[in-house]
Amino acid sequence: MEKIKALTSENGVVIFTKSTCCLCYAVTILFHELRVNPIVYEIDKDPQGREMEKALLKQGCNSSPVPAVYIGGKLVGSTNEVMSLHLSGSLIPLLKTYQSLS
């Protein structure tokens, strides 16, 4: 979907979420703790949210459409992929460019 492509190509870190999703909240908090301020887009508050959800599933969010984390325009994955990257020490190098100094 064009909206997803536009958001992910124009912003360094984008997390597609739902406002009632606790895993979405946890992933968002992780990024804030890593000094990254992602664009958090709540698809359940968008009139086209259902279509966005389907598009996210088609792009490779297999287990659940949210949270869907994009870094540098590329789909990283959902909670499992993000946490696995973090635990292995591979997430921070991906975020280096997007971390704030303060």
PDB file of N, CA and C in Angstrom:
ATOM      1  N   MET A   1       0.839  -1.184   0.000  1.00  0.00           N
ATOM      2  CA  MET A   1       0.000   0.000   0.000  1.00  0.00           C
ATOM      3  C   MET A   1       0.878   1.238   0.000  1.00  0.00           C
ATOM      4  N   GLU A   2       0.454   2.240  -0.699  1.00  0.00           N
ATOM      5  CA  GLU A   2       1.248   3.458  -0.877  1.00  0.00           C
ATOM      6  C   GLU A   2       1.545   4.181   0.435  1.00  0.00           C
ATOM      7  N   LYS A   3       0.598   4.191   1.350  1.00  0.00           N
ATOM      8  CA  LYS A   3       0.797   4.890   2.621  1.00  0.00           C
ATOM      9  C   LYS A   3       1.945   4.260   3.419  1.00  0.00           C
ATOM     10  N   ILE A   4       2.014   2.938   3.412  1.00  0.00           N
ATOM     11  CA  ILE A   4       3.090   2.238   4.109  1.00  0.00           C
ATOM     12  C   ILE A   4       4.424   2.551   3.453  1.00  0.00           C
ATOM     13  N   LYS A   5       4.476   2.479   2.130  1.00  0.00           N
ATOM     14  CA  LYS A   5       5.719   2.777   1.409  1.00  0.00           C
ATOM     15  C   LYS A   5       6.180   4.201   1.669  1.00  0.00           C
ATOM     16  N   ALA A   6       5.250   5.134   1.644  1.00  0.00           N
ATOM     17  CA  ALA A   6       5.604   6.543   1.866  1.00  0.00           C
ATOM     18  C   ALA A   6       6.162   6.754   3.274  1.00  0.00           C
ATOM     19  N   LEU A   7       5.473   6.245   4.265  1.00  0.00           N
ATOM     20  CA  LEU A   7       5.926   6.414   5.654  1.00  0.00           C
ATOM     21  C   LEU A   7       7.282   5.783   5.904  1.00  0.00           C
ATOM     22  N   THR A   8       7.489   4.577   5.365  1.00  0.00           N
ATOM     23  CA  THR A   8       8.739   3.870   5.634  1.00  0.00           C
ATOM     24  C   THR A   8       9.910   4.396   4.830  1.00  0.00           C
ATOM     25  N   SER A   9       9.647   4.996   3.684  1.00  0.00           N
ATOM     26  CA  SER A   9      10.752   5.539   2.892  1.00  0.00           C
ATOM     27  C   SER A   9      11.137   6.946   3.337  1.00  0.00           C
ATOM     28  N   GLU A  10      10.213   7.660   3.966  1.00  0.00           N
ATOM     29  CA  GLU A  10      10.468   9.046   4.379  1.00  0.00           C
ATOM     30  C   GLU A  10      10.979   9.153   5.816  1.00  0.00           C
ATOM     31  N   ASN A  11      10.905   8.073   6.586  1.00  0.00           N
ATOM     32  CA  ASN A  11      11.294   8.102   7.995  1.00  0.00           C
ATOM     33  C   ASN A  11      12.234   6.938   8.299  1.00  0.00           C
ATOM     34  N   GLY A  12      13.190   7.175   9.178  1.00  0.00           N
ATOM     35  CA  GLY A  12      14.190   6.161   9.488  1.00  0.00           C
ATOM     36  C   GLY A  12      13.640   4.947  10.205  1.00  0.00           C
ATOM     37  N   VAL A  13      12.836   5.170  11.245  1.00  0.00           N
ATOM     38  CA  VAL A  13      12.283   4.059  12.026  1.00  0.00           C
ATOM     39  C   VAL A  13      10.778   4.283  12.156  1.00  0.00           C
ATOM     40  N   VAL A  14      10.020   3.291  11.698  1.00  0.00           N
ATOM     41  CA  VAL A  14       8.559   3.368  11.745  1.00  0.00           C
ATOM     42  C   VAL A  14       8.039   2.090  12.389  1.00  0.00           C
ATOM     43  N   ILE A  15       7.117   2.267  13.329  1.00  0.00           N
ATOM     44  CA  ILE A  15       6.461   1.120  13.951  1.00  0.00           C
ATOM     45  C   ILE A  15       4.961   1.261  13.716  1.00  0.00           C
ATOM     46  N   PHE A  16       4.391   0.304  12.996  1.00  0.00           N
ATOM     47  CA  PHE A  16       2.946   0.266  12.797  1.00  0.00           C
ATOM     48  C   PHE A  16       2.364  -0.499  13.974  1.00  0.00           C
ATOM     49  N   THR A  17       1.394   0.112  14.648  1.00  0.00           N
ATOM     50  CA  THR A  17       0.846  -0.454  15.872  1.00  0.00           C
ATOM     51  C   THR A  17      -0.677  -0.375  15.866  1.00  0.00           C
ATOM     52  N   LYS A  18      -1.239  -0.925  16.943  1.00  0.00           N
ATOM     53  CA  LYS A  18      -2.650  -0.712  17.276  1.00  0.00           C
ATOM     54  C   LYS A  18      -2.653  -0.155  18.691  1.00  0.00           C
ATOM     55  N   SER A  19      -3.560   0.758  18.960  1.00  0.00           N
ATOM     56  CA  SER A  19      -3.565   1.455  20.249  1.00  0.00           C
ATOM     57  C   SER A  19      -3.819   0.531  21.439  1.00  0.00           C
ATOM     58  N   THR A  20      -4.427  -0.615  21.218  1.00  0.00           N
ATOM     59  CA  THR A  20      -4.744  -1.528  22.316  1.00  0.00           C
ATOM     60  C   THR A  20      -3.779  -2.709  22.428  1.00  0.00           C
ATOM     61  N   CYS A  21      -2.710  -2.703  21.668  1.00  0.00           N
ATOM     62  CA  CYS A  21      -1.783  -3.838  21.599  1.00  0.00           C
ATOM     63  C   CYS A  21      -0.643  -3.662  22.596  1.00  0.00           C
ATOM     64  N   CYS A  22      -0.567  -4.569  23.579  1.00  0.00           N
ATOM     65  CA  CYS A  22       0.482  -4.461  24.598  1.00  0.00           C
ATOM     66  C   CYS A  22       1.870  -4.765  24.028  1.00  0.00           C
ATOM     67  N   LEU A  23       1.970  -5.656  23.048  1.00  0.00           N
ATOM     68  CA  LEU A  23       3.270  -5.943  22.425  1.00  0.00           C
ATOM     69  C   LEU A  23       3.763  -4.741  21.623  1.00  0.00           C
ATOM     70  N   CYS A  24       2.843  -4.034  20.997  1.00  0.00           N
ATOM     71  CA  CYS A  24       3.204  -2.813  20.273  1.00  0.00           C
ATOM     72  C   CYS A  24       3.787  -1.795  21.243  1.00  0.00           C
ATOM     73  N   TYR A  25       3.148  -1.665  22.382  1.00  0.00           N
ATOM     74  CA  TYR A  25       3.615  -0.737  23.415  1.00  0.00           C
ATOM     75  C   TYR A  25       5.009  -1.129  23.897  1.00  0.00           C
ATOM     76  N   ALA A  26       5.230  -2.419  24.127  1.00  0.00           N
ATOM     77  CA  ALA A  26       6.526  -2.895  24.617  1.00  0.00           C
ATOM     78  C   ALA A  26       7.642  -2.620  23.608  1.00  0.00           C
ATOM     79  N   VAL A  27       7.373  -2.853  22.343  1.00  0.00           N
ATOM     80  CA  VAL A  27       8.384  -2.600  21.307  1.00  0.00           C
ATOM     81  C   VAL A  27       8.670  -1.104  21.206  1.00  0.00           C
ATOM     82  N   THR A  28       7.633  -0.296  21.275  1.00  0.00           N
ATOM     83  CA  THR A  28       7.810   1.159  21.217  1.00  0.00           C
ATOM     84  C   THR A  28       8.659   1.641  22.396  1.00  0.00           C
ATOM     85  N   ILE A  29       8.380   1.143  23.589  1.00  0.00           N
ATOM     86  CA  ILE A  29       9.158   1.511  24.779  1.00  0.00           C
ATOM     87  C   ILE A  29      10.612   1.084  24.623  1.00  0.00           C
ATOM     88  N   LEU A  30      10.849  -0.098  24.076  1.00  0.00           N
ATOM     89  CA  LEU A  30      12.222  -0.561  23.846  1.00  0.00           C
ATOM     90  C   LEU A  30      12.982   0.439  22.978  1.00  0.00           C
ATOM     91  N   PHE A  31      12.371   0.900  21.910  1.00  0.00           N
ATOM     92  CA  PHE A  31      13.043   1.844  21.022  1.00  0.00           C
ATOM     93  C   PHE A  31      13.324   3.164  21.735  1.00  0.00           C
ATOM     94  N   HIS A  32      12.389   3.628  22.547  1.00  0.00           N
ATOM     95  CA  HIS A  32      12.614   4.857  23.312  1.00  0.00           C
ATOM     96  C   HIS A  32      13.757   4.665  24.309  1.00  0.00           C
ATOM     97  N   GLU A  33      13.826   3.503  24.936  1.00  0.00           N
ATOM     98  CA  GLU A  33      14.920   3.232  25.876  1.00  0.00           C
ATOM     99  C   GLU A  33      16.267   3.163  25.168  1.00  0.00           C
ATOM    100  N   LEU A  34      16.239   2.802  23.889  1.00  0.00           N
ATOM    101  CA  LEU A  34      17.470   2.768  23.083  1.00  0.00           C
ATOM    102  C   LEU A  34      17.764   4.128  22.446  1.00  0.00           C
ATOM    103  N   ARG A  35      17.043   5.172  22.904  1.00  0.00           N
ATOM    104  CA  ARG A  35      17.216   6.552  22.450  1.00  0.00           C
ATOM    105  C   ARG A  35      16.869   6.740  20.974  1.00  0.00           C
ATOM    106  N   VAL A  36      15.848   6.029  20.529  1.00  0.00           N
ATOM    107  CA  VAL A  36      15.342   6.168  19.167  1.00  0.00           C
ATOM    108  C   VAL A  36      13.905   6.659  19.273  1.00  0.00           C
ATOM    109  N   ASN A  37      13.577   7.673  18.492  1.00  0.00           N
ATOM    110  CA  ASN A  37      12.213   8.198  18.476  1.00  0.00           C
ATOM    111  C   ASN A  37      11.541   7.800  17.166  1.00  0.00           C
ATOM    112  N   PRO A  38      10.935   6.624  17.148  1.00  0.00           N
ATOM    113  CA  PRO A  38      10.318   6.154  15.909  1.00  0.00           C
ATOM    114  C   PRO A  38       9.019   6.890  15.606  1.00  0.00           C
ATOM    115  N   ILE A  39       8.636   6.837  14.353  1.00  0.00           N
ATOM    116  CA  ILE A  39       7.288   7.248  13.983  1.00  0.00           C
ATOM    117  C   ILE A  39       6.394   6.071  14.372  1.00  0.00           C
ATOM    118  N   VAL A  40       5.434   6.322  15.237  1.00  0.00           N
ATOM    119  CA  VAL A  40       4.507   5.271  15.667  1.00  0.00           C
ATOM    120  C   VAL A  40       3.172   5.567  14.999  1.00  0.00           C
ATOM    121  N   TYR A  41       2.773   4.651  14.120  1.00  0.00           N
ATOM    122  CA  TYR A  41       1.549   4.852  13.353  1.00  0.00           C
ATOM    123  C   TYR A  41       0.517   3.826  13.785  1.00  0.00           C
ATOM    124  N   GLU A  42      -0.543   4.305  14.432  1.00  0.00           N
ATOM    125  CA  GLU A  42      -1.600   3.425  14.936  1.00  0.00           C
ATOM    126  C   GLU A  42      -2.620   3.175  13.828  1.00  0.00           C
ATOM    127  N   ILE A  43      -2.556   1.982  13.265  1.00  0.00           N
ATOM    128  CA  ILE A  43      -3.411   1.694  12.113  1.00  0.00           C
ATOM    129  C   ILE A  43      -4.885   1.586  12.476  1.00  0.00           C
ATOM    130  N   ASP A  44      -5.179   1.315  13.750  1.00  0.00           N
ATOM    131  CA  ASP A  44      -6.588   1.229  14.140  1.00  0.00           C
ATOM    132  C   ASP A  44      -7.256   2.601  14.228  1.00  0.00           C
ATOM    133  N   LYS A  45      -6.473   3.659  14.107  1.00  0.00           N
ATOM    134  CA  LYS A  45      -7.033   5.008  14.113  1.00  0.00           C
ATOM    135  C   LYS A  45      -7.083   5.606  12.710  1.00  0.00           C
ATOM    136  N   ASP A  46      -6.766   4.791  11.712  1.00  0.00           N
ATOM    137  CA  ASP A  46      -6.769   5.228  10.317  1.00  0.00           C
ATOM    138  C   ASP A  46      -7.973   4.602   9.615  1.00  0.00           C
ATOM    139  N   PRO A  47      -8.725   5.387   8.842  1.00  0.00           N
ATOM    140  CA  PRO A  47      -9.869   4.820   8.120  1.00  0.00           C
ATOM    141  C   PRO A  47      -9.476   3.681   7.173  1.00  0.00           C
ATOM    142  N   GLN A  48      -8.226   3.680   6.730  1.00  0.00           N
ATOM    143  CA  GLN A  48      -7.738   2.631   5.830  1.00  0.00           C
ATOM    144  C   GLN A  48      -6.980   1.541   6.596  1.00  0.00           C
ATOM    145  N   GLY A  49      -7.171   1.493   7.908  1.00  0.00           N
ATOM    146  CA  GLY A  49      -6.426   0.572   8.758  1.00  0.00           C
ATOM    147  C   GLY A  49      -6.551  -0.888   8.377  1.00  0.00           C
ATOM    148  N   ARG A  50      -7.732  -1.329   7.981  1.00  0.00           N
ATOM    149  CA  ARG A  50      -7.921  -2.734   7.595  1.00  0.00           C
ATOM    150  C   ARG A  50      -7.086  -3.074   6.359  1.00  0.00           C
ATOM    151  N   GLU A  51      -7.074  -2.162   5.399  1.00  0.00           N
ATOM    152  CA  GLU A  51      -6.281  -2.381   4.185  1.00  0.00           C
ATOM    153  C   GLU A  51      -4.788  -2.365   4.513  1.00  0.00           C
ATOM    154  N   MET A  52      -4.393  -1.481   5.423  1.00  0.00           N
ATOM    155  CA  MET A  52      -2.994  -1.430   5.840  1.00  0.00           C
ATOM    156  C   MET A  52      -2.589  -2.729   6.525  1.00  0.00           C
ATOM    157  N   GLU A  53      -3.478  -3.257   7.353  1.00  0.00           N
ATOM    158  CA  GLU A  53      -3.222  -4.516   8.048  1.00  0.00           C
ATOM    159  C   GLU A  53      -2.998  -5.643   7.037  1.00  0.00           C
ATOM    160  N   LYS A  54      -3.844  -5.708   6.018  1.00  0.00           N
ATOM    161  CA  LYS A  54      -3.694  -6.728   4.972  1.00  0.00           C
ATOM    162  C   LYS A  54      -2.383  -6.539   4.218  1.00  0.00           C
ATOM    163  N   ALA A  55      -2.037  -5.287   3.929  1.00  0.00           N
ATOM    164  CA  ALA A  55      -0.794  -5.005   3.208  1.00  0.00           C
ATOM    165  C   ALA A  55       0.424  -5.399   4.038  1.00  0.00           C
ATOM    166  N   LEU A  56       0.386  -5.163   5.341  1.00  0.00           N
ATOM    167  CA  LEU A  56       1.488  -5.555   6.214  1.00  0.00           C
ATOM    168  C   LEU A  56       1.648  -7.075   6.243  1.00  0.00           C
ATOM    169  N   LEU A  57       0.541  -7.793   6.260  1.00  0.00           N
ATOM    170  CA  LEU A  57       0.600  -9.255   6.230  1.00  0.00           C
ATOM    171  C   LEU A  57       1.235  -9.735   4.922  1.00  0.00           C
ATOM    172  N   LYS A  58       0.892  -9.088   3.825  1.00  0.00           N
ATOM    173  CA  LYS A  58       1.451  -9.466   2.524  1.00  0.00           C
ATOM    174  C   LYS A  58       2.939  -9.159   2.436  1.00  0.00           C
ATOM    175  N   GLN A  59       3.397  -8.147   3.171  1.00  0.00           N
ATOM    176  CA  GLN A  59       4.809  -7.761   3.111  1.00  0.00           C
ATOM    177  C   GLN A  59       5.697  -8.669   3.944  1.00  0.00           C
ATOM    178  N   GLY A  60       5.107  -9.544   4.742  1.00  0.00           N
ATOM    179  CA  GLY A  60       5.927 -10.496   5.467  1.00  0.00           C
ATOM    180  C   GLY A  60       5.725 -10.533   6.965  1.00  0.00           C
ATOM    181  N   CYS A  61       4.759  -9.817   7.475  1.00  0.00           N
ATOM    182  CA  CYS A  61       4.449  -9.895   8.909  1.00  0.00           C
ATOM    183  C   CYS A  61       3.591 -11.138   9.101  1.00  0.00           C
ATOM    184  N   ASN A  62       4.247 -12.260   9.293  1.00  0.00           N
ATOM    185  CA  ASN A  62       3.561 -13.551   9.261  1.00  0.00           C
ATOM    186  C   ASN A  62       2.652 -13.820  10.445  1.00  0.00           C
ATOM    187  N   SER A  63       3.176 -13.685  11.640  1.00  0.00           N
ATOM    188  CA  SER A  63       2.393 -14.075  12.806  1.00  0.00           C
ATOM    189  C   SER A  63       1.310 -13.064  13.154  1.00  0.00           C
ATOM    190  N   SER A  64       1.625 -11.786  13.008  1.00  0.00           N
ATOM    191  CA  SER A  64       0.685 -10.722  13.346  1.00  0.00           C
ATOM    192  C   SER A  64       1.073  -9.478  12.553  1.00  0.00           C
ATOM    193  N   PRO A  65       0.092  -8.705  12.111  1.00  0.00           N
ATOM    194  CA  PRO A  65       0.443  -7.518  11.338  1.00  0.00           C
ATOM    195  C   PRO A  65       1.075  -6.405  12.178  1.00  0.00           C
ATOM    196  N   VAL A  66       0.870  -6.434  13.486  1.00  0.00           N
ATOM    197  CA  VAL A  66       1.466  -5.404  14.349  1.00  0.00           C
ATOM    198  C   VAL A  66       2.060  -6.043  15.593  1.00  0.00           C
ATOM    199  N   PRO A  67       3.093  -5.467  16.157  1.00  0.00           N
ATOM    200  CA  PRO A  67       3.800  -4.337  15.600  1.00  0.00           C
ATOM    201  C   PRO A  67       4.601  -4.756  14.368  1.00  0.00           C
ATOM    202  N   ALA A  68       4.668  -3.852  13.414  1.00  0.00           N
ATOM    203  CA  ALA A  68       5.497  -4.054  12.226  1.00  0.00           C
ATOM    204  C   ALA A  68       6.566  -2.977  12.263  1.00  0.00           C
ATOM    205  N   VAL A  69       7.812  -3.396  12.398  1.00  0.00           N
ATOM    206  CA  VAL A  69       8.924  -2.467  12.576  1.00  0.00           C
ATOM    207  C   VAL A  69       9.724  -2.363  11.284  1.00  0.00           C
ATOM    208  N   TYR A  70       9.898  -1.127  10.837  1.00  0.00           N
ATOM    209  CA  TYR A  70      10.713  -0.831   9.657  1.00  0.00           C
ATOM    210  C   TYR A  70      11.885   0.023  10.095  1.00  0.00           C
ATOM    211  N   ILE A  71      13.064  -0.350   9.660  1.00  0.00           N
ATOM    212  CA  ILE A  71      14.266   0.436   9.922  1.00  0.00           C
ATOM    213  C   ILE A  71      14.940   0.697   8.588  1.00  0.00           C
ATOM    214  N   GLY A  72      15.155   1.965   8.283  1.00  0.00           N
ATOM    215  CA  GLY A  72      15.781   2.318   7.016  1.00  0.00           C
ATOM    216  C   GLY A  72      14.983   1.869   5.815  1.00  0.00           C
ATOM    217  N   GLY A  73      13.671   1.874   5.940  1.00  0.00           N
ATOM    218  CA  GLY A  73      12.797   1.497   4.838  1.00  0.00           C
ATOM    219  C   GLY A  73      12.608   0.004   4.657  1.00  0.00           C
ATOM    220  N   LYS A  74      13.242  -0.806   5.487  1.00  0.00           N
ATOM    221  CA  LYS A  74      13.147  -2.261   5.351  1.00  0.00           C
ATOM    222  C   LYS A  74      12.396  -2.861   6.526  1.00  0.00           C
ATOM    223  N   LEU A  75      11.543  -3.833   6.221  1.00  0.00           N
ATOM    224  CA  LEU A  75      10.798  -4.525   7.259  1.00  0.00           C
ATOM    225  C   LEU A  75      11.744  -5.376   8.084  1.00  0.00           C
ATOM    226  N   VAL A  76      11.803  -5.106   9.381  1.00  0.00           N
ATOM    227  CA  VAL A  76      12.597  -5.909  10.302  1.00  0.00           C
ATOM    228  C   VAL A  76      11.752  -7.068  10.818  1.00  0.00           C
ATOM    229  N   GLY A  77      10.493  -6.780  11.103  1.00  0.00           N
ATOM    230  CA  GLY A  77       9.587  -7.822  11.570  1.00  0.00           C
ATOM    231  C   GLY A  77       8.724  -7.340  12.710  1.00  0.00           C
ATOM    232  N   SER A  78       8.227  -8.307  13.448  1.00  0.00           N
ATOM    233  CA  SER A  78       7.339  -8.023  14.570  1.00  0.00           C
ATOM    234  C   SER A  78       8.101  -8.208  15.881  1.00  0.00           C
ATOM    235  N   THR A  79       7.387  -8.414  16.945  1.00  0.00           N
ATOM    236  CA  THR A  79       7.988  -8.503  18.272  1.00  0.00           C
ATOM    237  C   THR A  79       9.085  -9.562  18.361  1.00  0.00           C
ATOM    238  N   ASN A  80       8.822 -10.755  17.875  1.00  0.00           N
ATOM    239  CA  ASN A  80       9.815 -11.832  17.974  1.00  0.00           C
ATOM    240  C   ASN A  80      11.122 -11.474  17.283  1.00  0.00           C
ATOM    241  N   GLU A  81      11.038 -10.939  16.081  1.00  0.00           N
ATOM    242  CA  GLU A  81      12.242 -10.594  15.330  1.00  0.00           C
ATOM    243  C   GLU A  81      13.011  -9.454  16.003  1.00  0.00           C
ATOM    244  N   VAL A  82      12.285  -8.449  16.468  1.00  0.00           N
ATOM    245  CA  VAL A  82      12.930  -7.305  17.125  1.00  0.00           C
ATOM    246  C   VAL A  82      13.614  -7.747  18.410  1.00  0.00           C
ATOM    247  N   MET A  83      12.930  -8.524  19.225  1.00  0.00           N
ATOM    248  CA  MET A  83      13.518  -8.978  20.492  1.00  0.00           C
ATOM    249  C   MET A  83      14.697  -9.912  20.251  1.00  0.00           C
ATOM    250  N   SER A  84      14.609 -10.775  19.245  1.00  0.00           N
ATOM    251  CA  SER A  84      15.733 -11.657  18.912  1.00  0.00           C
ATOM    252  C   SER A  84      16.947 -10.844  18.489  1.00  0.00           C
ATOM    253  N   LEU A  85      16.720  -9.825  17.659  1.00  0.00           N
ATOM    254  CA  LEU A  85      17.826  -8.944  17.244  1.00  0.00           C
ATOM    255  C   LEU A  85      18.429  -8.244  18.449  1.00  0.00           C
ATOM    256  N   HIS A  86      17.571  -7.778  19.349  1.00  0.00           N
ATOM    257  CA  HIS A  86      18.057  -7.060  20.522  1.00  0.00           C
ATOM    258  C   HIS A  86      18.873  -7.981  21.437  1.00  0.00           C
ATOM    259  N   LEU A  87      18.361  -9.167  21.689  1.00  0.00           N
ATOM    260  CA  LEU A  87      19.057 -10.103  22.571  1.00  0.00           C
ATOM    261  C   LEU A  87      20.386 -10.581  21.983  1.00  0.00           C
ATOM    262  N   SER A  88      20.467 -10.637  20.664  1.00  0.00           N
ATOM    263  CA  SER A  88      21.712 -11.075  20.023  1.00  0.00           C
ATOM    264  C   SER A  88      22.713  -9.931  19.854  1.00  0.00           C
ATOM    265  N   GLY A  89      22.284  -8.705  20.169  1.00  0.00           N
ATOM    266  CA  GLY A  89      23.170  -7.548  20.021  1.00  0.00           C
ATOM    267  C   GLY A  89      23.180  -6.963  18.624  1.00  0.00           C
ATOM    268  N   SER A  90      22.267  -7.399  17.781  1.00  0.00           N
ATOM    269  CA  SER A  90      22.232  -6.934  16.389  1.00  0.00           C
ATOM    270  C   SER A  90      21.306  -5.748  16.150  1.00  0.00           C
ATOM    271  N   LEU A  91      20.461  -5.409  17.112  1.00  0.00           N
ATOM    272  CA  LEU A  91      19.504  -4.320  16.904  1.00  0.00           C
ATOM    273  C   LEU A  91      20.165  -2.951  16.994  1.00  0.00           C
ATOM    274  N   ILE A  92      21.000  -2.743  18.005  1.00  0.00           N
ATOM    275  CA  ILE A  92      21.614  -1.426  18.207  1.00  0.00           C
ATOM    276  C   ILE A  92      22.426  -0.969  16.988  1.00  0.00           C
ATOM    277  N   PRO A  93      23.227  -1.841  16.356  1.00  0.00           N
ATOM    278  CA  PRO A  93      23.929  -1.388  15.149  1.00  0.00           C
ATOM    279  C   PRO A  93      22.982  -0.932  14.034  1.00  0.00           C
ATOM    280  N   LEU A  94      21.815  -1.555  13.935  1.00  0.00           N
ATOM    281  CA  LEU A  94      20.832  -1.134  12.928  1.00  0.00           C
ATOM    282  C   LEU A  94      20.263   0.255  13.240  1.00  0.00           C
ATOM    283  N   LEU A  95      20.256   0.594  14.530  1.00  0.00           N
ATOM    284  CA  LEU A  95      19.635   1.852  14.975  1.00  0.00           C
ATOM    285  C   LEU A  95      20.634   2.982  15.171  1.00  0.00           C
ATOM    286  N   LYS A  96      21.922   2.713  15.041  1.00  0.00           N
ATOM    287  CA  LYS A  96      22.968   3.709  15.313  1.00  0.00           C
ATOM    288  C   LYS A  96      22.667   5.067  14.683  1.00  0.00           C
ATOM    289  N   THR A  97      22.292   5.052  13.426  1.00  0.00           N
ATOM    290  CA  THR A  97      22.023   6.279  12.675  1.00  0.00           C
ATOM    291  C   THR A  97      20.847   7.067  13.240  1.00  0.00           C
ATOM    292  N   TYR A  98      19.929   6.385  13.900  1.00  0.00           N
ATOM    293  CA  TYR A  98      18.685   7.007  14.329  1.00  0.00           C
ATOM    294  C   TYR A  98      18.631   7.327  15.827  1.00  0.00           C
ATOM    295  N   GLN A  99      19.715   7.039  16.553  1.00  0.00           N
ATOM    296  CA  GLN A  99      19.722   7.307  17.995  1.00  0.00           C
ATOM    297  C   GLN A  99      20.006   8.783  18.261  1.00  0.00           C
ATOM    298  N   SER A 100      19.276   9.315  19.239  1.00  0.00           N
ATOM    299  CA  SER A 100      19.521  10.702  19.656  1.00  0.00           C
ATOM    300  C   SER A 100      20.637  10.715  20.694  1.00  0.00           C
ATOM    301  N   LEU A 101      21.333  11.827  20.780  1.00  0.00           N
ATOM    302  CA  LEU A 101      22.459  11.927  21.691  1.00  0.00           C
ATOM    303  C   LEU A 101      22.047  12.247  23.118  1.00  0.00           C
ATOM    304  N   SER A 102      20.866  12.790  23.295  1.00  0.00           N
ATOM    305  CA  SER A 102      20.457  13.180  24.645  1.00  0.00           C
ATOM    306  C   SER A 102      19.646  12.112  25.316  1.00  0.00           C
TER     307      SER A 102
END
